[in-house]
């Protein structure tokens, strides 16, 4: 089974990820929280690890990401870095670590860079936090997370799909463009309609990764515990991005099965729409009612105006 970038590559760097975007080679990313899984994903040929505050749910058993602390995040980020020196590691800025001020954001980003030796930090971003992105990006690389922001979902209308109204589409596209101008090195789109996510990919020069955000992107992200079937979503209602690797081999250790799962994922992402994500993993613009069809056409016309 083919892996991602040849393992002779010493280090996945931003210039290399940008080249992958230009060459239309799909980036494979996972949210991982410890050294063992980082080592296996490295061996599988992945490119990017996002050490997400989703660890609060899948590792700690909490109902949301909101109570995650900087100390906990640094613990996980250090563990991941101990498992790989090849992969590009992004450390997730938890709730309260950047919102209060530019100075607080820079100080916490500095903790990540100094204590975990990560390659970049990730900031949940909307118009209100573009100033933070610019401030931190002068200090270290920043990945902006737009669309569904889990830490701010309640104040922004709940866990929903973004990019379904003309007003919402305009804001998403503008935040993506302004985020790039502010110095972001990469964009993560979460729970965004495919038509909109593909346009965002086209209008920015930096890589665009997606989780439940469509197929034709520069890269895909999954939570490793979802891929391995280790996390039970509340009420057993699986989100759009969910897919679990199905093992059909015998005599393998748990590590061997996990490595196979990561190999399968990297290979599936590289094949893109032929394997994963599939149509069942994608959000689309609504088109069931006359009003939805009318708004859909307005959105598509607006997207055509963007270069």
Protein backbone atom coordinates (compact mmCIF):
# COMPACT_ATOMS: atom_id res chain seq x y z
CA UNK A 1 0.00 0.00 0.00
CA UNK A 2 1.44 3.39 -0.91
CA UNK A 3 2.15 5.89 1.82
CA UNK A 4 2.30 9.68 1.66
CA UNK A 5 5.56 11.55 1.23
CA UNK A 6 8.47 9.06 1.01
CA UNK A 7 9.79 8.32 4.48
CA UNK A 8 13.30 9.36 3.40
CA UNK A 9 11.98 12.91 3.71
CA UNK A 10 13.64 14.31 6.84
CA UNK A 11 10.96 16.76 7.84
CA UNK A 12 7.57 17.94 6.59
CA UNK A 13 7.90 21.72 6.29
CA UNK A 14 5.62 24.57 5.30
CA UNK A 15 7.35 25.00 1.92
CA UNK A 16 6.77 21.30 1.27
CA UNK A 17 3.07 21.54 2.23
CA UNK A 18 2.69 24.60 -0.01
CA UNK A 19 4.31 22.66 -2.84
CA UNK A 20 1.86 19.81 -2.28
CA UNK A 21 -0.99 22.30 -2.74
CA UNK A 22 0.54 23.62 -5.96
CA UNK A 23 1.17 20.07 -7.24
CA UNK A 24 -2.36 18.97 -6.21
CA UNK A 25 -1.02 16.26 -3.91
CA UNK A 26 -3.45 15.71 -1.07
CA UNK A 27 -2.22 16.28 2.49
CA UNK A 28 -3.24 13.67 5.08
CA UNK A 29 -3.74 14.91 8.65
CA UNK A 30 -4.91 13.33 11.89
CA UNK A 31 -5.67 14.64 15.36
CA UNK A 32 -3.34 12.62 17.60
CA UNK A 33 -2.53 13.02 21.28
CA UNK A 34 0.40 10.75 22.22
CA UNK A 35 3.80 9.49 21.11
CA UNK A 36 2.76 5.96 20.13
CA UNK A 37 0.07 7.05 17.67
CA UNK A 38 2.32 9.82 16.35
CA UNK A 39 5.02 7.25 15.61
CA UNK A 40 2.57 4.97 13.78
CA UNK A 41 1.11 7.80 11.69
CA UNK A 42 4.65 8.87 10.84
CA UNK A 43 5.39 5.31 9.71
CA UNK A 44 2.18 5.30 7.67
CA UNK A 45 3.42 8.30 5.67
CA UNK A 46 1.13 11.04 6.96
CA UNK A 47 2.04 14.70 6.74
CA UNK A 48 0.31 16.70 9.50
CA UNK A 49 -0.72 16.08 13.10
CA UNK A 50 -3.07 18.50 14.81
CA UNK A 51 -2.81 18.03 18.57
CA UNK A 52 -6.42 19.02 19.13
CA UNK A 53 -8.21 20.06 22.29
CA UNK A 54 -10.60 17.31 21.22
CA UNK A 55 -8.36 15.29 23.57
CA UNK A 56 -10.59 16.66 26.32
CA UNK A 57 -13.44 14.54 24.94
CA UNK A 58 -11.76 11.45 23.50
CA UNK A 59 -9.02 11.07 26.14
CA UNK A 60 -10.45 12.74 29.25
CA UNK A 61 -14.13 11.83 28.74
CA UNK A 62 -15.36 15.42 29.10
CA UNK A 63 -18.56 16.45 27.27
CA UNK A 64 -16.83 19.24 25.31
CA UNK A 65 -13.47 20.85 24.59
CA UNK A 66 -14.10 23.94 26.72
CA UNK A 67 -12.40 22.90 29.98
CA UNK A 68 -9.08 21.97 28.34
CA UNK A 69 -6.12 23.91 29.79
CA UNK A 70 -2.79 25.05 28.38
CA UNK A 71 -0.93 22.72 30.74
CA UNK A 72 -2.93 19.73 29.49
CA UNK A 73 -2.44 20.74 25.86
CA UNK A 74 1.32 21.11 26.31
CA UNK A 75 1.45 17.67 27.92
CA UNK A 76 -0.18 16.11 24.83
CA UNK A 77 1.81 18.26 22.39
CA UNK A 78 5.13 17.24 23.97
CA UNK A 79 4.12 13.59 23.84
CA UNK A 80 3.29 13.85 20.12
CA UNK A 81 6.57 15.58 19.35
CA UNK A 82 8.40 12.81 21.21
CA UNK A 83 6.80 10.34 18.79
CA UNK A 84 7.83 12.09 15.55
CA UNK A 85 10.39 14.51 14.23
CA UNK A 86 9.27 14.14 10.60
CA UNK A 87 5.63 15.21 10.74
CA UNK A 88 4.39 18.81 10.80
CA UNK A 89 2.84 19.21 14.26
CA UNK A 90 0.18 21.86 14.96
CA UNK A 91 -0.68 22.66 18.59
CA UNK A 92 -4.27 23.68 19.31
CA UNK A 93 -4.75 26.88 21.35
CA UNK A 94 -7.43 26.02 23.95
CA UNK A 95 -10.27 28.27 25.08
CA UNK A 96 -8.97 31.29 26.98
CA UNK A 97 -5.39 30.97 25.72
CA UNK A 98 -5.64 33.71 23.07
CA UNK A 99 -8.99 35.51 23.40
CA UNK A 100 -8.11 38.00 26.20
CA UNK A 101 -5.40 39.98 24.36
CA UNK A 102 -2.63 39.86 21.77
CA UNK A 103 -0.07 39.64 24.56
CA UNK A 104 -1.76 36.62 26.17
CA UNK A 105 -2.01 34.93 22.77
CA UNK A 106 1.70 35.50 22.03
CA UNK A 107 2.76 34.29 25.48
CA UNK A 108 0.78 31.06 25.14
CA UNK A 109 1.98 30.46 21.58
CA UNK A 110 5.52 30.96 22.94
CA UNK A 111 4.85 28.27 25.56
CA UNK A 112 3.89 25.82 22.82
CA UNK A 113 6.96 26.62 20.73
CA UNK A 114 9.32 26.51 23.72
CA UNK A 115 7.87 23.59 25.71
CA UNK A 116 6.53 21.25 23.02
CA UNK A 117 8.69 22.21 20.02
CA UNK A 118 5.66 22.29 17.71
CA UNK A 119 5.70 23.66 14.17
CA UNK A 120 2.60 25.87 14.38
CA UNK A 121 -0.36 26.78 16.56
CA UNK A 122 -4.05 26.64 15.64
CA UNK A 123 -6.54 29.38 16.49
CA UNK A 124 -10.32 29.13 16.16
CA UNK A 125 -10.95 32.18 14.03
CA UNK A 126 -13.76 34.49 13.05
CA UNK A 127 -13.71 38.22 12.31
CA UNK A 128 -13.23 39.03 16.00
CA UNK A 129 -9.89 37.18 16.23
CA UNK A 130 -8.09 38.22 13.05
CA UNK A 131 -6.05 40.66 15.13
CA UNK A 132 -4.85 37.73 17.28
CA UNK A 133 -3.87 35.80 14.15
CA UNK A 134 -1.76 38.70 12.92
CA UNK A 135 -0.10 39.20 16.30
CA UNK A 136 0.80 35.53 16.77
CA UNK A 137 1.83 34.99 13.13
CA UNK A 138 4.58 37.56 13.63
CA UNK A 139 5.97 35.17 16.23
CA UNK A 140 5.23 31.68 14.85
CA UNK A 141 3.18 29.95 12.10
CA UNK A 142 -0.59 30.01 12.65
CA UNK A 143 -3.29 27.70 11.30
CA UNK A 144 -6.73 29.32 11.32
CA UNK A 145 -9.76 27.15 12.09
CA UNK A 146 -12.93 28.54 10.51
CA UNK A 147 -16.47 27.35 10.00
CA UNK A 148 -17.56 25.35 13.03
CA UNK A 149 -15.53 26.48 16.04
CA UNK A 150 -16.18 23.85 18.75
CA UNK A 151 -15.15 26.10 21.65
CA UNK A 152 -17.51 28.85 20.49
CA UNK A 153 -20.31 26.73 19.03
CA UNK A 154 -22.85 27.66 21.70
CA UNK A 155 -22.36 31.41 21.32
CA UNK A 156 -22.34 31.14 17.51
CA UNK A 157 -25.59 29.20 17.16
CA UNK A 158 -24.65 25.63 18.03
CA UNK A 159 -23.09 22.70 16.21
CA UNK A 160 -24.25 23.28 12.64
CA UNK A 161 -23.14 23.34 9.04
CA UNK A 162 -21.62 26.61 7.83
CA UNK A 163 -21.81 28.09 4.35
CA UNK A 164 -25.55 27.60 3.80
CA UNK A 165 -26.65 31.24 3.58
CA UNK A 166 -25.34 34.03 1.36
CA UNK A 167 -24.43 36.16 4.38
CA UNK A 168 -22.61 33.26 6.01
CA UNK A 169 -20.75 32.39 2.80
CA UNK A 170 -19.54 35.96 2.36
CA UNK A 171 -18.21 35.99 5.93
CA UNK A 172 -16.45 32.62 5.57
CA UNK A 173 -14.71 33.68 2.36
CA UNK A 174 -13.74 37.05 3.79
CA UNK A 175 -12.33 35.53 6.99
CA UNK A 176 -10.29 33.09 4.89
CA UNK A 177 -8.87 35.90 2.74
CA UNK A 178 -8.27 38.22 5.69
CA UNK A 179 -6.72 35.37 7.67
CA UNK A 180 -4.24 34.72 4.89
CA UNK A 181 -3.41 38.44 4.73
CA UNK A 182 -2.95 38.42 8.53
CA UNK A 183 -0.24 35.80 8.10
CA UNK A 184 -1.96 32.42 8.48
CA UNK A 185 0.06 29.55 7.03
CA UNK A 186 -2.84 27.12 6.62
CA UNK A 187 -6.63 26.95 6.93
CA UNK A 188 -8.73 24.25 8.58
CA UNK A 189 -12.38 24.26 7.50
CA UNK A 190 -14.83 22.37 9.70
CA UNK A 191 -18.42 21.49 8.78
CA UNK A 192 -18.59 23.73 5.69
CA UNK A 193 -20.60 23.05 2.54
CA UNK A 194 -18.49 21.54 -0.23
CA UNK A 195 -19.28 24.19 -2.81
CA UNK A 196 -17.99 26.92 -0.50
CA UNK A 197 -14.94 25.03 0.80
CA UNK A 198 -13.76 24.37 -2.75
CA UNK A 199 -13.97 28.07 -3.59
CA UNK A 200 -12.00 28.97 -0.46
CA UNK A 201 -9.32 26.50 -1.55
CA UNK A 202 -9.12 28.30 -4.90
CA UNK A 203 -8.97 31.89 -3.63
CA UNK A 204 -6.10 31.45 -1.15
CA UNK A 205 -2.51 30.42 -1.78
CA UNK A 206 -2.05 28.55 1.50
CA UNK A 207 -3.13 24.91 2.03
CA UNK A 208 -6.78 24.32 2.97
CA UNK A 209 -7.58 21.22 5.02
CA UNK A 210 -11.09 20.05 5.78
CA UNK A 211 -13.00 17.98 8.31
CA UNK A 212 -16.55 17.41 7.07
CA UNK A 213 -15.87 20.17 4.54
CA UNK A 214 -15.88 18.46 1.17
CA UNK A 215 -13.70 16.43 -1.11
CA UNK A 216 -11.68 18.62 -3.48
CA UNK A 217 -9.46 20.23 -0.85
CA UNK A 218 -5.71 20.41 -0.32
CA UNK A 219 -5.96 17.96 2.56
CA UNK A 220 -8.22 16.05 4.92
CA UNK A 221 -8.29 15.81 8.72
CA UNK A 222 -9.81 13.11 10.93
CA UNK A 223 -9.73 12.51 14.66
CA UNK A 224 -7.64 9.38 15.12
CA UNK A 225 -10.00 8.00 17.77
CA UNK A 226 -12.88 8.24 15.26
CA UNK A 227 -10.89 6.36 12.63
CA UNK A 228 -10.07 3.62 15.16
CA UNK A 229 -13.64 3.47 16.52
CA UNK A 230 -12.43 4.28 20.05
CA UNK A 231 -14.72 7.25 20.73
CA UNK A 232 -18.46 6.87 21.23
CA UNK A 233 -20.29 9.96 20.12
CA UNK A 234 -23.12 10.99 22.49
CA UNK A 235 -26.35 9.27 21.48
CA UNK A 236 -24.36 7.27 18.92
CA UNK A 237 -25.16 9.93 16.32
CA UNK A 238 -22.12 9.95 14.06
CA UNK A 239 -20.98 13.27 12.56
CA UNK A 240 -20.62 13.69 8.80
CA UNK A 241 -16.85 13.25 8.80
CA UNK A 242 -17.00 9.94 10.69
CA UNK A 243 -15.48 6.82 9.20
CA UNK A 244 -14.03 3.84 11.07
CA UNK A 245 -11.39 1.52 9.66
CA UNK A 246 -12.68 -2.07 9.32
CA UNK A 247 -9.98 -4.66 10.04
CA UNK A 248 -10.26 -7.92 8.13
CA UNK A 249 -6.89 -9.49 8.96
CA UNK A 250 -6.03 -11.95 11.71
CA UNK A 251 -2.94 -12.43 13.80
CA UNK A 252 -2.06 -8.74 14.04
CA UNK A 253 -1.21 -6.88 17.21
CA UNK A 254 -3.22 -3.80 18.18
CA UNK A 255 -0.25 -1.72 17.00
CA UNK A 256 -0.27 -3.56 13.67
CA UNK A 257 -3.98 -2.98 13.22
CA UNK A 258 -3.53 0.69 14.11
CA UNK A 259 -0.69 1.04 11.61
CA UNK A 260 -2.90 -0.63 8.97
CA UNK A 261 -5.68 1.81 9.78
CA UNK A 262 -3.36 4.79 9.35
CA UNK A 263 -1.92 3.35 6.13
CA UNK A 264 -5.46 2.86 4.83
CA UNK A 265 -6.39 6.43 5.76
CA UNK A 266 -3.35 8.02 4.10
CA UNK A 267 -3.96 5.97 0.96
CA UNK A 268 -7.70 6.73 0.95
CA UNK A 269 -7.08 10.46 1.28
CA UNK A 270 -4.52 10.40 -1.52
CA UNK A 271 -7.17 8.81 -3.77
CA UNK A 272 -9.48 11.58 -2.55
CA UNK A 273 -13.05 11.36 -3.84
CA UNK A 274 -12.62 7.76 -4.97
CA UNK A 275 -12.33 6.53 -1.35
CA UNK A 276 -12.52 9.16 1.40
CA UNK A 277 -14.24 11.46 1.89
CA UNK A 278 -17.22 10.07 0.01
CA UNK A 279 -20.48 11.81 -0.81
CA UNK A 280 -21.96 10.58 2.48
CA UNK A 281 -19.25 12.53 4.35
CA UNK A 282 -20.03 15.85 2.66
CA UNK A 283 -22.28 18.81 3.47
CA UNK A 284 -23.91 20.47 0.43
CA UNK A 285 -25.83 23.67 -0.16
CA UNK A 286 -29.53 23.04 0.58
CA UNK A 287 -31.77 22.55 -2.45
CA UNK A 288 -35.03 21.00 -1.21
CA UNK A 289 -37.38 24.00 -1.17
CA UNK A 290 -37.88 26.83 -3.69
CA UNK A 291 -36.39 29.28 -1.18
CA UNK A 292 -33.32 27.06 -0.68
CA UNK A 293 -32.87 26.69 -4.43
CA UNK A 294 -33.08 30.45 -4.89
CA UNK A 295 -30.49 31.10 -2.19
CA UNK A 296 -28.29 28.34 -3.56
CA UNK A 297 -28.22 30.07 -6.95
CA UNK A 298 -27.40 33.40 -5.28
CA UNK A 299 -24.51 31.78 -3.42
CA UNK A 300 -23.15 30.10 -6.55
CA UNK A 301 -23.33 33.42 -8.43
CA UNK A 302 -21.46 35.16 -5.60
CA UNK A 303 -18.77 32.47 -5.59
CA UNK A 304 -18.21 33.04 -9.31
CA UNK A 305 -17.26 36.66 -8.54
CA UNK A 306 -14.35 35.55 -6.33
CA UNK A 307 -10.96 35.05 -7.96
